[in-house]
Amino acid sequence: MRYVQLTAFAFMLACGQILFKKAALAAGTRPFLIGIQNGWTFAALILYGAATALWISILRTTPLSQAYPFAALGFVIVPLAAYLVFGEPIDARYVLGVVCIVAGILLTST
């Protein structure tokens, strides 16, 4: 159950980043404070709030040293989602980095 929660936390953070990017694109060239006043920004903030609540819940039963490496999953998920949603490129260095991150998470979580 702990790993499901940790993975859900990482996905929530990644989805929040995608929502922030959508908010930035929706803002266009408007001034910052006006530009961020859109549904994407508020959705991202709500998701981040829920992720924070989940994180606190996770930390009640999981040592921080074991839980924190799962936050690095965001470095794997966000670029993949950016590729799928925005068509942003992925190169071989990214794939090598993903392998290293996943290996580190597996190493620290066992």
Protein backbone atom coordinates (compact mmCIF):
# COMPACT_ATOMS: atom_id res chain seq x y z
CA MET A 1 0.00 0.00 0.00
CA ARG A 2 2.86 2.36 0.84
CA TYR A 3 4.33 2.06 -2.67
CA VAL A 4 0.94 2.72 -4.25
CA GLN A 5 0.64 5.92 -2.22
CA LEU A 6 4.19 6.98 -3.05
CA THR A 7 3.63 6.37 -6.75
CA ALA A 8 0.31 8.23 -6.62
CA PHE A 9 2.10 11.15 -4.96
CA ALA A 10 4.68 11.26 -7.76
CA PHE A 11 1.94 11.17 -10.40
CA MET A 12 0.04 13.95 -8.66
CA LEU A 13 3.12 16.17 -8.67
CA ALA A 14 3.75 15.38 -12.34
CA CYS A 15 0.15 16.12 -13.30
CA GLY A 16 0.41 19.39 -11.39
CA GLN A 17 3.45 20.35 -13.48
CA ILE A 18 1.56 19.61 -16.69
CA LEU A 19 -1.32 21.77 -15.44
CA PHE A 20 1.11 24.59 -14.63
CA LYS A 21 2.50 24.39 -18.18
CA LYS A 22 -1.04 24.54 -19.58
CA ALA A 23 -1.67 27.57 -17.36
CA ALA A 24 1.47 29.25 -18.68
CA LEU A 25 0.46 28.60 -22.27
CA ALA A 26 -3.08 29.82 -21.62
CA ALA A 27 -1.71 33.01 -20.05
CA GLY A 28 -0.02 33.97 -23.29
CA THR A 29 1.50 37.42 -23.17
CA ARG A 30 -0.78 38.82 -20.48
CA PRO A 31 0.84 40.30 -17.37
CA PHE A 32 1.84 37.62 -14.84
CA LEU A 33 -0.79 38.19 -12.15
CA ILE A 34 -3.58 38.40 -14.69
CA GLY A 35 -2.23 35.55 -16.80
CA ILE A 36 -2.17 33.02 -13.99
CA GLN A 37 -5.82 33.61 -13.22
CA ASN A 38 -7.14 30.71 -15.24
CA GLY A 39 -8.64 27.32 -14.51
CA TRP A 40 -5.40 25.48 -15.22
CA THR A 41 -3.61 27.34 -12.44
CA PHE A 42 -6.35 26.69 -9.92
CA ALA A 43 -6.54 23.01 -10.89
CA ALA A 44 -2.78 22.68 -10.44
CA LEU A 45 -2.91 24.34 -7.02
CA ILE A 46 -5.76 22.10 -5.89
CA LEU A 47 -3.86 19.03 -7.07
CA TYR A 48 -0.73 20.20 -5.27
CA GLY A 49 -2.78 20.72 -2.12
CA ALA A 50 -4.10 17.16 -2.35
CA ALA A 51 -0.58 15.87 -3.01
CA THR A 52 0.66 17.69 0.08
CA ALA A 53 -2.05 16.07 2.20
CA LEU A 54 -1.12 12.66 0.79
CA TRP A 55 2.58 13.33 1.46
CA ILE A 56 1.89 14.16 5.10
CA SER A 57 -0.16 10.98 5.38
CA ILE A 58 2.65 8.94 3.85
CA LEU A 59 5.21 10.41 6.23
CA ARG A 60 3.21 9.25 9.23
CA THR A 61 4.22 5.67 8.51
CA THR A 62 7.20 5.88 6.16
CA PRO A 63 10.68 7.16 6.96
CA LEU A 64 11.51 10.27 4.95
CA SER A 65 14.71 8.63 3.73
CA GLN A 66 12.61 5.90 2.07
CA ALA A 67 9.77 8.09 0.86
CA TYR A 68 11.70 11.00 -0.64
CA PRO A 69 13.36 9.12 -3.52
CA PHE A 70 9.88 8.54 -4.96
CA ALA A 71 9.60 12.27 -5.51
CA ALA A 72 12.31 11.73 -8.14
CA LEU A 73 9.77 9.80 -10.18
CA GLY A 74 8.56 13.22 -11.25
CA PHE A 75 11.79 13.58 -13.25
CA VAL A 76 10.69 10.50 -15.17
CA ILE A 77 6.97 11.21 -15.48
CA VAL A 78 6.96 14.93 -16.31
CA PRO A 79 9.07 14.75 -19.48
CA LEU A 80 7.09 11.72 -20.68
CA ALA A 81 3.85 13.59 -20.11
CA ALA A 82 5.29 16.69 -21.79
CA TYR A 83 6.15 14.55 -24.79
CA LEU A 84 2.63 13.10 -24.92
CA VAL A 85 0.71 16.31 -24.18
CA PHE A 86 2.87 19.02 -25.74
CA GLY A 87 5.02 17.11 -28.21
CA GLU A 88 8.23 18.09 -26.42
CA PRO A 89 11.27 16.07 -27.53
CA ILE A 90 12.89 13.19 -25.63
CA ASP A 91 16.45 12.17 -26.40
CA ALA A 92 18.87 9.38 -25.48
CA ARG A 93 20.28 11.35 -22.53
CA TYR A 94 16.81 11.50 -21.04
CA VAL A 95 16.41 7.73 -21.39
CA LEU A 96 19.79 7.16 -19.71
CA GLY A 97 18.79 9.53 -16.92
CA VAL A 98 15.51 7.65 -16.44
CA VAL A 99 17.41 4.39 -16.09
CA CYS A 100 19.65 5.95 -13.43
CA ILE A 101 16.73 7.47 -11.52
CA VAL A 102 14.71 4.25 -11.53
CA ALA A 103 17.77 2.26 -10.46
CA GLY A 104 18.34 4.71 -7.60
CA ILE A 105 14.73 4.48 -6.47
CA LEU A 106 14.86 0.68 -6.54
CA LEU A 107 18.17 0.69 -4.68
CA THR A 108 16.97 3.00 -1.93
CA SER A 109 13.54 1.43 -1.51
CA THR A 110 14.75 -2.12 -0.89
